[in-house]
């Protein structure tokens, strides 16, 4: 799900308040782009899609230099 401009600002503010010296662990830059909210499939112990299972929506934060993706739980950011 694409984020609106005000949601992108909310993510950036949350990161500023909760993450100290947020630099990419691969290239050490601080050039982050806010991506979309994603919700991964939940796989049960047998390796099957657990349709209707509990999911954890996540916000993608993408390094603008090397394209590394960091994931943050969306619910605390938008609560």
Protein backbone atom coordinates (compact mmCIF):
# COMPACT_ATOMS: atom_id res chain seq x y z
CA UNK A 1 0.00 0.00 0.00
CA UNK A 2 1.47 3.31 -1.08
CA UNK A 3 1.73 5.98 1.59
CA UNK A 4 0.34 9.50 1.37
CA UNK A 5 2.69 12.45 1.88
CA UNK A 6 1.47 13.00 5.45
CA UNK A 7 2.09 9.32 6.24
CA UNK A 8 5.62 9.55 4.84
CA UNK A 9 6.19 12.56 7.12
CA UNK A 10 4.82 10.56 10.06
CA UNK A 11 7.27 7.71 9.37
CA UNK A 12 10.20 10.15 9.09
CA UNK A 13 9.21 11.83 12.37
CA UNK A 14 8.89 8.45 14.10
CA UNK A 15 12.33 7.40 12.84
CA UNK A 16 13.86 10.70 14.02
CA UNK A 17 12.39 10.17 17.50
CA UNK A 18 13.16 6.45 17.88
CA UNK A 19 16.28 5.60 15.88
CA UNK A 20 19.64 7.10 16.83
CA UNK A 21 22.17 7.69 14.02
CA UNK A 22 20.17 5.77 11.43
CA UNK A 23 22.80 4.87 8.85
CA UNK A 24 22.72 2.03 6.39
CA UNK A 25 24.59 -0.99 7.71
CA UNK A 26 25.85 -1.78 4.21
CA UNK A 27 27.07 1.54 2.77
CA UNK A 28 26.95 3.75 5.92
CA UNK A 29 24.98 6.54 4.20
CA UNK A 30 21.93 8.28 5.63
CA UNK A 31 19.83 8.60 2.48
CA UNK A 32 16.57 6.83 3.27
CA UNK A 33 13.47 6.67 1.09
CA UNK A 34 10.14 5.64 2.59
CA UNK A 35 8.56 2.78 0.65
CA UNK A 36 5.20 1.10 0.98
CA UNK A 37 3.45 -0.79 3.73
CA UNK A 38 3.74 -4.50 3.12
CA UNK A 39 2.18 -7.47 4.88
CA UNK A 40 4.00 -10.76 4.43
CA UNK A 41 2.27 -14.10 4.20
CA UNK A 42 2.22 -16.08 7.41
CA UNK A 43 3.43 -19.63 6.89
CA UNK A 44 2.34 -22.36 9.30
CA UNK A 45 4.59 -25.10 10.67
CA UNK A 46 3.87 -27.30 7.62
CA UNK A 47 4.94 -24.57 5.21
CA UNK A 48 1.42 -23.68 4.09
CA UNK A 49 -0.04 -20.19 3.78
CA UNK A 50 -1.94 -19.51 6.99
CA UNK A 51 -4.82 -17.58 5.45
CA UNK A 52 -6.51 -15.49 8.09
CA UNK A 53 -3.53 -15.78 10.44
CA UNK A 54 -2.05 -12.92 12.37
CA UNK A 55 0.08 -10.61 10.22
CA UNK A 56 2.44 -7.77 11.03
CA UNK A 57 2.23 -4.93 8.49
CA UNK A 58 5.61 -3.32 7.95
CA UNK A 59 6.91 -0.06 6.48
CA UNK A 60 9.76 -0.35 4.00
CA UNK A 61 12.63 2.09 4.51
CA UNK A 62 15.00 1.85 1.53
CA UNK A 63 18.58 3.10 1.27
CA UNK A 64 18.79 5.57 -1.60
CA UNK A 65 22.41 4.61 -2.22
CA UNK A 66 22.65 0.80 -2.12
CA UNK A 67 18.95 -0.21 -2.03
CA UNK A 68 19.13 -2.10 1.28
CA UNK A 69 15.64 -2.45 2.76
CA UNK A 70 14.92 -2.06 6.46
CA UNK A 71 11.49 -3.03 7.81
CA UNK A 72 9.69 -1.37 10.72
CA UNK A 73 6.42 -2.47 12.32
CA UNK A 74 3.71 -0.15 10.98
CA UNK A 75 1.33 -0.35 13.93
CA UNK A 76 3.53 1.48 16.47
CA UNK A 77 4.36 4.15 13.91
CA UNK A 78 0.75 4.91 13.04
CA UNK A 79 -0.82 4.36 16.49
